[in-house]
C-alpha atoms as a PDB file:
ATOM      1  CA  MET A   1      21.931 -26.828  50.597  1.00  0.00           C
ATOM      2  CA  PRO A   2      23.095 -28.537  47.320  1.00  0.00           C
ATOM      3  CA  ASP A   3      26.463 -30.354  47.392  1.00  0.00           C
ATOM      4  CA  VAL A   4      27.773 -28.137  44.585  1.00  0.00           C
ATOM      5  CA  VAL A   5      26.736 -24.529  44.124  1.00  0.00           C
ATOM      6  CA  SER A   6      27.753 -22.735  40.918  1.00  0.00           C
ATOM      7  CA  GLU A   7      27.416 -19.056  40.070  1.00  0.00           C
ATOM      8  CA  LYS A   8      28.396 -17.041  36.957  1.00  0.00           C
ATOM      9  CA  MET A   9      29.058 -13.381  37.540  1.00  0.00           C
ATOM     10  CA  ILE A  10      30.089 -10.185  35.710  1.00  0.00           C
ATOM     11  CA  LEU A  11      31.609  -7.514  37.911  1.00  0.00           C
ATOM     12  CA  PRO A  12      32.907  -4.062  37.137  1.00  0.00           C
ATOM     13  CA  ALA A  13      36.538  -3.139  37.496  1.00  0.00           C
ATOM     14  CA  GLY A  14      37.666  -2.702  40.936  1.00  0.00           C
ATOM     15  CA  GLY A  15      37.193  -5.688  43.247  1.00  0.00           C
ATOM     16  CA  GLY A  16      36.791  -6.085  46.997  1.00  0.00           C
ATOM     17  CA  ALA A  17      36.955  -8.341  50.029  1.00  0.00           C
ATOM     18  CA  PHE A  18      35.863 -11.968  49.998  1.00  0.00           C
ATOM     19  CA  ALA A  19      35.083 -14.494  52.670  1.00  0.00           C
ATOM     20  CA  LEU A  20      34.459 -18.166  51.729  1.00  0.00           C
ATOM     21  CA  SER A  21      32.387 -20.436  53.976  1.00  0.00           C
ATOM     22  CA  SER A  22      33.215 -23.567  51.949  1.00  0.00           C
ATOM     23  CA  LEU A  23      35.891 -24.761  49.549  1.00  0.00           C
ATOM     24  CA  THR A  24      35.507 -22.691  46.412  1.00  0.00           C
ATOM     25  CA  LEU A  25      36.879 -22.651  42.894  1.00  0.00           C
ATOM     26  CA  GLY A  26      36.939 -19.499  40.838  1.00  0.00           C
ATOM     27  CA  ILE A  27      37.456 -19.627  37.035  1.00  0.00           C
ATOM     28  CA  PHE A  28      38.052 -16.425  34.989  1.00  0.00           C
ATOM     29  CA  LEU A  29      36.258 -16.157  31.683  1.00  0.00           C
ATOM     30  CA  ASN A  30      38.348 -13.261  30.409  1.00  0.00           C
ATOM     31  CA  ASP A  31      41.954 -12.323  30.775  1.00  0.00           C
ATOM     32  CA  GLN A  32      42.927 -10.275  33.770  1.00  0.00           C
ATOM     33  CA  PRO A  33      46.600  -9.143  33.415  1.00  0.00           C
ATOM     34  CA  SER A  34      46.351  -6.756  36.342  1.00  0.00           C
ATOM     35  CA  HIS A  35      44.685  -9.159  38.789  1.00  0.00           C
ATOM     36  CA  ARG A  36      45.867  -8.917  42.407  1.00  0.00           C
ATOM     37  CA  ILE A  37      44.875 -11.116  45.346  1.00  0.00           C
ATOM     38  CA  SER A  38      45.568 -11.373  49.028  1.00  0.00           C
ATOM     39  CA  GLN A  39      44.649 -14.262  51.310  1.00  0.00           C
ATOM     40  CA  GLY A  40      44.700 -13.840  55.023  1.00  0.00           C
ATOM     41  CA  SER A  41      46.257 -10.372  54.830  1.00  0.00           C
ATOM     42  CA  ASP A  42      45.470  -6.909  53.520  1.00  0.00           C
ATOM     43  CA  ARG A  43      48.429  -6.849  51.079  1.00  0.00           C
ATOM     44  CA  ALA A  44      47.479  -7.850  47.545  1.00  0.00           C
ATOM     45  CA  VAL A  45      50.026  -9.578  45.312  1.00  0.00           C
ATOM     46  CA  HIS A  46      49.986  -9.195  41.571  1.00  0.00           C
ATOM     47  CA  ARG A  47      48.873 -12.501  40.067  1.00  0.00           C
ATOM     48  CA  PRO A  48      47.908 -12.043  36.442  1.00  0.00           C
ATOM     49  CA  LEU A  49      45.348 -14.669  35.248  1.00  0.00           C
ATOM     50  CA  ARG A  50      44.197 -15.684  31.760  1.00  0.00           C
ATOM     51  CA  LYS A  51      40.913 -16.986  30.565  1.00  0.00           C
ATOM     52  CA  HIS A  52      40.261 -20.325  32.174  1.00  0.00           C
ATOM     53  CA  GLN A  53      42.769 -19.848  34.867  1.00  0.00           C
ATOM     54  CA  GLY A  54      41.691 -19.065  38.401  1.00  0.00           C
ATOM     55  CA  TRP A  55      42.009 -20.204  42.000  1.00  0.00           C
ATOM     56  CA  LEU A  56      40.990 -22.942  44.411  1.00  0.00           C
ATOM     57  CA  LEU A  57      40.712 -21.718  48.006  1.00  0.00           C
ATOM     58  CA  PRO A  58      39.937 -23.598  51.195  1.00  0.00           C
ATOM     59  CA  ALA A  59      36.885 -22.977  53.397  1.00  0.00           C
ATOM     60  CA  GLY A  60      37.382 -20.065  55.716  1.00  0.00           C
ATOM     61  CA  SER A  61      39.531 -18.072  53.231  1.00  0.00           C
ATOM     62  CA  GLU A  62      39.367 -14.343  53.645  1.00  0.00           C
ATOM     63  CA  GLY A  63      41.161 -11.629  51.580  1.00  0.00           C
ATOM     64  CA  VAL A  64      40.935  -9.161  48.757  1.00  0.00           C
ATOM     65  CA  CYS A  65      40.683  -9.578  45.008  1.00  0.00           C
ATOM     66  CA  GLU A  66      41.359  -6.641  42.702  1.00  0.00           C
ATOM     67  CA  TYR A  67      41.342  -6.149  38.965  1.00  0.00           C
ATOM     68  CA  ASP A  68      41.400  -3.117  36.637  1.00  0.00           C
ATOM     69  CA  GLU A  69      38.966  -4.474  33.907  1.00  0.00           C
ATOM     70  CA  ASP A  70      35.447  -5.821  34.015  1.00  0.00           C
ATOM     71  CA  LEU A  71      35.579  -9.427  35.313  1.00  0.00           C
ATOM     72  CA  GLU A  72      33.555 -12.323  34.052  1.00  0.00           C
ATOM     73  CA  PHE A  73      33.977 -15.517  36.132  1.00  0.00           C
ATOM     74  CA  VAL A  74      32.399 -18.674  37.480  1.00  0.00           C
ATOM     75  CA  THR A  75      32.572 -19.814  41.103  1.00  0.00           C
ATOM     76  CA  VAL A  76      31.903 -23.341  42.202  1.00  0.00           C
ATOM     77  CA  SER A  77      31.530 -24.174  45.958  1.00  0.00           C
ATOM     78  CA  LEU A  78      31.633 -27.747  47.325  1.00  0.00           C
ATOM     79  CA  ASP A  79      29.954 -28.692  50.572  1.00  0.00           C
ATOM     80  CA  ASP A  80      32.031 -30.412  53.322  1.00  0.00           C
ATOM     81  CA  ARG A  81      29.686 -33.355  53.302  1.00  0.00           C
ATOM     82  CA  LEU A  82      30.468 -34.115  49.709  1.00  0.00           C
ATOM     83  CA  LEU A  83      34.233 -33.798  50.238  1.00  0.00           C
ATOM     84  CA  ASP A  84      34.018 -36.038  53.326  1.00  0.00           C
ATOM     85  CA  GLU A  85      32.717 -38.880  51.076  1.00  0.00           C
ATOM     86  CA  PHE A  86      36.135 -38.803  49.381  1.00  0.00           C
ATOM     87  CA  GLY A  87      38.295 -38.787  52.473  1.00  0.00           C
ATOM     88  CA  LEU A  88      38.661 -35.071  53.033  1.00  0.00           C
ATOM     89  CA  SER A  89      37.281 -34.266  56.440  1.00  0.00           C
ATOM     90  CA  SER A  90      37.103 -30.551  55.793  1.00  0.00           C
ATOM     91  CA  GLY A  91      37.484 -28.141  52.928  1.00  0.00           C
ATOM     92  CA  ALA A  92      39.907 -26.170  54.894  1.00  0.00           C
ATOM     93  CA  GLY A  93      43.640 -26.497  55.530  1.00  0.00           C
ATOM     94  CA  PHE A  94      45.308 -26.874  52.125  1.00  0.00           C
ATOM     95  CA  GLN A  95      47.669 -24.794  50.098  1.00  0.00           C
ATOM     96  CA  ALA A  96      45.715 -22.417  47.807  1.00  0.00           C
ATOM     97  CA  ILE A  97      45.999 -23.048  44.090  1.00  0.00           C
ATOM     98  CA  ILE A  98      46.212 -19.944  41.957  1.00  0.00           C
ATOM     99  CA  GLY A  99      46.829 -20.098  38.176  1.00  0.00           C
ATOM    100  CA  ASP A 100      46.289 -23.132  35.967  1.00  0.00           C
ATOM    101  CA  ILE A 101      43.266 -25.354  36.834  1.00  0.00           C
ATOM    102  CA  ASP A 102      43.295 -29.145  36.483  1.00  0.00           C
ATOM    103  CA  PRO A 103      41.724 -29.890  33.030  1.00  0.00           C
ATOM    104  CA  VAL A 104      39.113 -32.303  34.486  1.00  0.00           C
ATOM    105  CA  VAL A 105      38.143 -29.903  37.247  1.00  0.00           C
ATOM    106  CA  LEU A 106      37.978 -27.045  34.660  1.00  0.00           C
ATOM    107  CA  SER A 107      35.742 -28.975  32.323  1.00  0.00           C
ATOM    108  CA  ILE A 108      33.266 -30.099  34.960  1.00  0.00           C
ATOM    109  CA  SER A 109      33.196 -26.667  36.727  1.00  0.00           C
ATOM    110  CA  LEU A 110      32.532 -24.762  33.453  1.00  0.00           C
ATOM    111  CA  ASN A 111      29.462 -26.969  32.968  1.00  0.00           C
ATOM    112  CA  ALA A 112      28.446 -26.950  36.664  1.00  0.00           C
ATOM    113  CA  ALA A 113      25.803 -24.358  36.119  1.00  0.00           C
ATOM    114  CA  LYS A 114      23.995 -26.775  33.749  1.00  0.00           C
ATOM    115  CA  LEU A 115      23.778 -29.561  36.436  1.00  0.00           C
ATOM    116  CA  GLY A 116      20.222 -28.536  37.183  1.00  0.00           C
ATOM    117  CA  ASP A 117      19.234 -29.263  33.615  1.00  0.00           C
ATOM    118  CA  GLY A 118      19.918 -33.030  34.045  1.00  0.00           C
ATOM    119  CA  GLY A 119      18.308 -35.638  36.116  1.00  0.00           C
ATOM    120  CA  LEU A 120      19.224 -36.459  39.719  1.00  0.00           C
ATOM    121  CA  LEU A 121      21.586 -39.261  38.763  1.00  0.00           C
ATOM    122  CA  TYR A 122      23.462 -36.968  36.326  1.00  0.00           C
ATOM    123  CA  ARG A 123      23.774 -34.236  38.970  1.00  0.00           C
ATOM    124  CA  GLU A 124      25.037 -36.650  41.629  1.00  0.00           C
ATOM    125  CA  THR A 125      27.463 -38.271  39.215  1.00  0.00           C
ATOM    126  CA  MET A 126      29.021 -35.039  37.992  1.00  0.00           C
ATOM    127  CA  SER A 127      29.079 -33.568  41.541  1.00  0.00           C
ATOM    128  CA  ARG A 128      30.989 -36.575  42.845  1.00  0.00           C
ATOM    129  CA  ALA A 129      33.292 -36.645  39.853  1.00  0.00           C
ATOM    130  CA  LEU A 130      34.213 -32.993  40.564  1.00  0.00           C
ATOM    131  CA  ALA A 131      34.668 -33.694  44.313  1.00  0.00           C
ATOM    132  CA  ALA A 132      36.814 -36.708  43.698  1.00  0.00           C
ATOM    133  CA  GLN A 133      39.181 -34.814  41.347  1.00  0.00           C
ATOM    134  CA  VAL A 134      39.396 -31.805  43.687  1.00  0.00           C
ATOM    135  CA  VAL A 135      40.240 -34.072  46.662  1.00  0.00           C
ATOM    136  CA  GLN A 136      42.880 -35.800  44.541  1.00  0.00           C
ATOM    137  CA  LEU A 137      44.507 -32.397  43.861  1.00  0.00           C
ATOM    138  CA  ILE A 138      44.604 -31.078  47.415  1.00  0.00           C
ATOM    139  CA  LYS A 139      44.739 -34.109  49.719  1.00  0.00           C
ATOM    140  CA  PRO A 140      48.223 -34.439  51.278  1.00  0.00           C
ATOM    141  CA  ALA A 141      50.350 -37.123  49.672  1.00  0.00           C
ATOM    142  CA  PRO A 142      50.860 -40.169  51.932  1.00  0.00           C
ATOM    143  CA  ALA A 143      54.172 -40.330  53.706  1.00  0.00           C
ATOM    144  CA  TRP A 144      55.260 -43.269  51.534  1.00  0.00           C
ATOM    145  CA  HIS A 145      55.248 -40.974  48.439  1.00  0.00           C
ATOM    146  CA  ALA A 146      58.108 -38.827  49.842  1.00  0.00           C
ATOM    147  CA  GLY A 147      61.046 -38.798  47.521  1.00  0.00           C
ATOM    148  CA  ILE A 148      59.326 -41.084  44.948  1.00  0.00           C
ATOM    149  CA  GLU A 149      58.929 -39.271  41.572  1.00  0.00           C
ATOM    150  CA  ASP A 150      57.868 -42.231  39.408  1.00  0.00           C
ATOM    151  CA  ARG A 151      54.024 -42.250  39.368  1.00  0.00           C
ATOM    152  CA  ARG A 152      54.073 -45.985  38.579  1.00  0.00           C
ATOM    153  CA  LEU A 153      55.909 -46.727  41.787  1.00  0.00           C
ATOM    154  CA  ARG A 154      53.636 -44.416  43.752  1.00  0.00           C
ATOM    155  CA  ARG A 155      50.702 -46.373  42.396  1.00  0.00           C
ATOM    156  CA  VAL A 156      52.346 -49.643  43.592  1.00  0.00           C
ATOM    157  CA  LEU A 157      53.028 -48.143  47.065  1.00  0.00           C
ATOM    158  CA  ASP A 158      49.370 -47.074  47.360  1.00  0.00           C
ATOM    159  CA  TYR A 159      48.325 -50.593  46.336  1.00  0.00           C
ATOM    160  CA  ILE A 160      50.606 -52.148  48.927  1.00  0.00           C
ATOM    161  CA  HIS A 161      49.310 -50.057  51.778  1.00  0.00           C
ATOM    162  CA  ASP A 162      45.680 -50.631  50.746  1.00  0.00           C
ATOM    163  CA  ASN A 163      46.143 -54.400  50.593  1.00  0.00           C
ATOM    164  CA  LEU A 164      48.513 -55.328  53.460  1.00  0.00           C
ATOM    165  CA  ALA A 165      46.127 -58.060  54.680  1.00  0.00           C
ATOM    166  CA  ASN A 166      46.043 -59.681  51.214  1.00  0.00           C
ATOM    167  CA  ASP A 167      48.539 -61.778  49.252  1.00  0.00           C
ATOM    168  CA  LEU A 168      51.006 -59.369  47.613  1.00  0.00           C
ATOM    169  CA  THR A 169      52.922 -60.911  44.799  1.00  0.00           C
ATOM    170  CA  LEU A 170      55.878 -59.496  42.861  1.00  0.00           C
ATOM    171  CA  ALA A 171      54.060 -60.316  39.605  1.00  0.00           C
ATOM    172  CA  THR A 172      50.940 -58.314  40.578  1.00  0.00           C
ATOM    173  CA  MET A 173      53.042 -55.320  41.629  1.00  0.00           C
ATOM    174  CA  ALA A 174      55.093 -55.441  38.470  1.00  0.00           C
ATOM    175  CA  ASP A 175      51.916 -55.608  36.379  1.00  0.00           C
ATOM    176  CA  LEU A 176      50.502 -52.598  38.209  1.00  0.00           C
ATOM    177  CA  ALA A 177      53.723 -50.682  37.395  1.00  0.00           C
ATOM    178  CA  ALA A 178      53.611 -51.864  33.765  1.00  0.00           C
ATOM    179  CA  MET A 179      57.106 -53.361  34.077  1.00  0.00           C
ATOM    180  CA  SER A 180      58.714 -56.739  33.928  1.00  0.00           C
ATOM    181  CA  SER A 181      59.256 -58.327  37.298  1.00  0.00           C
ATOM    182  CA  THR A 182      63.045 -57.870  36.889  1.00  0.00           C
ATOM    183  CA  HIS A 183      62.856 -54.249  35.842  1.00  0.00           C
ATOM    184  CA  PHE A 184      60.294 -53.470  38.577  1.00  0.00           C
ATOM    185  CA  SER A 185      62.439 -54.956  41.338  1.00  0.00           C
ATOM    186  CA  LYS A 186      65.491 -52.964  40.273  1.00  0.00           C
ATOM    187  CA  ALA A 187      63.493 -49.743  39.854  1.00  0.00           C
ATOM    188  CA  PHE A 188      61.730 -50.202  43.209  1.00  0.00           C
ATOM    189  CA  LYS A 189      64.909 -50.837  45.134  1.00  0.00           C
ATOM    190  CA  LYS A 190      66.596 -47.854  43.517  1.00  0.00           C
ATOM    191  CA  GLN A 191      63.830 -45.463  44.342  1.00  0.00           C
ATOM    192  CA  VAL A 192      62.654 -46.817  47.720  1.00  0.00           C
ATOM    193  CA  GLY A 193      65.948 -48.247  49.062  1.00  0.00           C
ATOM    194  CA  VAL A 194      64.726 -51.781  49.820  1.00  0.00           C
ATOM    195  CA  SER A 195      63.407 -54.642  47.772  1.00  0.00           C
ATOM    196  CA  PRO A 196      59.604 -54.999  47.294  1.00  0.00           C
ATOM    197  CA  LEU A 197      59.515 -57.938  49.722  1.00  0.00           C
ATOM    198  CA  GLN A 198      61.435 -56.030  52.381  1.00  0.00           C
ATOM    199  CA  TYR A 199      59.173 -52.993  51.972  1.00  0.00           C
ATOM    200  CA  VAL A 200      55.979 -55.103  52.321  1.00  0.00           C
ATOM    201  CA  ILE A 201      57.354 -56.767  55.469  1.00  0.00           C
ATOM    202  CA  GLY A 202      58.221 -53.372  56.969  1.00  0.00           C
ATOM    203  CA  ALA A 203      54.796 -51.910  56.131  1.00  0.00           C
ATOM    204  CA  ARG A 204      53.065 -54.851  57.673  1.00  0.00           C
ATOM    205  CA  LEU A 205      55.037 -54.667  60.841  1.00  0.00           C
ATOM    206  CA  ASP A 206      54.500 -50.897  61.153  1.00  0.00           C
ATOM    207  CA  LEU A 207      50.722 -51.495  60.762  1.00  0.00           C
ATOM    208  CA  ALA A 208      50.906 -54.214  63.390  1.00  0.00           C
ATOM    209  CA  SER A 209      52.745 -51.871  65.820  1.00  0.00           C
ATOM    210  CA  VAL A 210      50.041 -49.199  65.441  1.00  0.00           C
ATOM    211  CA  LEU A 211      47.277 -51.720  66.035  1.00  0.00           C
ATOM    212  CA  LEU A 212      49.079 -53.060  69.127  1.00  0.00           C
ATOM    213  CA  ARG A 213      49.282 -49.525  70.537  1.00  0.00           C
ATOM    214  CA  THR A 214      45.841 -48.317  69.647  1.00  0.00           C
ATOM    215  CA  SER A 215      43.397 -51.242  69.657  1.00  0.00           C
ATOM    216  CA  ARG A 216      42.326 -54.106  71.823  1.00  0.00           C
ATOM    217  CA  LEU A 217      42.472 -56.646  69.036  1.00  0.00           C
ATOM    218  CA  SER A 218      44.133 -59.985  69.855  1.00  0.00           C
ATOM    219  CA  VAL A 219      47.714 -60.465  68.683  1.00  0.00           C
ATOM    220  CA  SER A 220      46.469 -63.186  66.283  1.00  0.00           C
ATOM    221  CA  GLU A 221      43.861 -60.826  64.809  1.00  0.00           C
ATOM    222  CA  ILE A 222      46.515 -58.094  64.374  1.00  0.00           C
ATOM    223  CA  ALA A 223      48.852 -60.548  62.678  1.00  0.00           C
ATOM    224  CA  TRP A 224      46.028 -61.493  60.298  1.00  0.00           C
ATOM    225  CA  ARG A 225      45.185 -57.804  59.540  1.00  0.00           C
ATOM    226  CA  ALA A 226      48.817 -57.189  58.823  1.00  0.00           C
ATOM    227  CA  GLY A 227      48.950 -60.000  56.288  1.00  0.00           C
ATOM    228  CA  TYR A 228      50.403 -62.792  58.353  1.00  0.00           C
ATOM    229  CA  GLN A 229      48.784 -66.234  58.323  1.00  0.00           C
ATOM    230  CA  ASP A 230      51.593 -67.788  60.315  1.00  0.00           C
ATOM    231  CA  MET A 231      51.864 -66.500  63.913  1.00  0.00           C
ATOM    232  CA  SER A 232      55.329 -67.800  64.435  1.00  0.00           C
ATOM    233  CA  ARG A 233      56.620 -66.011  61.322  1.00  0.00           C
ATOM    234  CA  PHE A 234      54.840 -62.832  62.477  1.00  0.00           C
ATOM    235  CA  SER A 235      56.415 -63.011  65.935  1.00  0.00           C
ATOM    236  CA  GLN A 236      59.833 -63.694  64.398  1.00  0.00           C
ATOM    237  CA  HIS A 237      59.681 -60.735  62.030  1.00  0.00           C
ATOM    238  CA  PHE A 238      58.212 -58.439  64.650  1.00  0.00           C
ATOM    239  CA  LYS A 239      60.964 -59.298  67.257  1.00  0.00           C
ATOM    240  CA  ARG A 240      63.588 -58.786  64.591  1.00  0.00           C
ATOM    241  CA  LYS A 241      62.417 -55.256  63.893  1.00  0.00           C
ATOM    242  CA  PHE A 242      61.340 -54.106  67.352  1.00  0.00           C
ATOM    243  CA  ALA A 243      63.633 -56.236  69.531  1.00  0.00           C
ATOM    244  CA  VAL A 244      60.611 -57.420  71.577  1.00  0.00           C
ATOM    245  CA  THR A 245      57.674 -59.809  71.071  1.00  0.00           C
ATOM    246  CA  PRO A 246      54.241 -58.266  70.107  1.00  0.00           C
ATOM    247  CA  ALA A 247      52.893 -59.032  73.560  1.00  0.00           C
ATOM    248  CA  VAL A 248      55.719 -57.175  75.264  1.00  0.00           C
ATOM    249  CA  TYR A 249      55.491 -54.280  72.794  1.00  0.00           C
ATOM    250  CA  ARG A 250      51.837 -53.814  73.688  1.00  0.00           C
ATOM    251  CA  GLU A 251      52.632 -53.689  77.434  1.00  0.00           C
ATOM    252  CA  ARG A 252      55.102 -50.849  77.063  1.00  0.00           C
END
């Protein structure tokens, strides 16, 4: 089965039940002011949709779609294997999107039927571009994004958590946020509640605590993976936060 399956259909007014075996995107090619849809129930809700609006539904979705005019639309289904490459273990379990479609997803999906006209490299590139954008839309935001509205700071937080074992400098973080170091430090503390340095230390110690509970790595290896080159400093910081040494914490 291909990673991406696209179909273009024209259906008479009416509608009917649907059952999706994989994550599927539907894009309307004509206005449907009377469109009604139900998901997981037999009660349809009026959701008018315009041309190039539609829905993104998880695998396993069942329901009813109704409309009072002939419907022309495109469906694009993504295989779980492709989604898994981008960190989504299944196409199920996310909040359905009904209405406006992300512009990048819309553009690629409208051309998905032409993927077979290109070579293998083109098909794989476009399929993965679509999967990456869809996963970005539906994957739950990491816990550290909670309450942070500034996208620049979210980008910095992602960078911190992706690079805890590396040298994290204020200058690098400020550059990533496109701010001066002074402005970045003030903005970060206002939004997050602690300074960038305090946040990095806390994130590193949280990672260390998880590794101590769930792995058999040595304490020195865990310290290194959490970004500490100095064992005494690691032990000092860890005891300050958790009130016990790393070795004692592991034995609990």
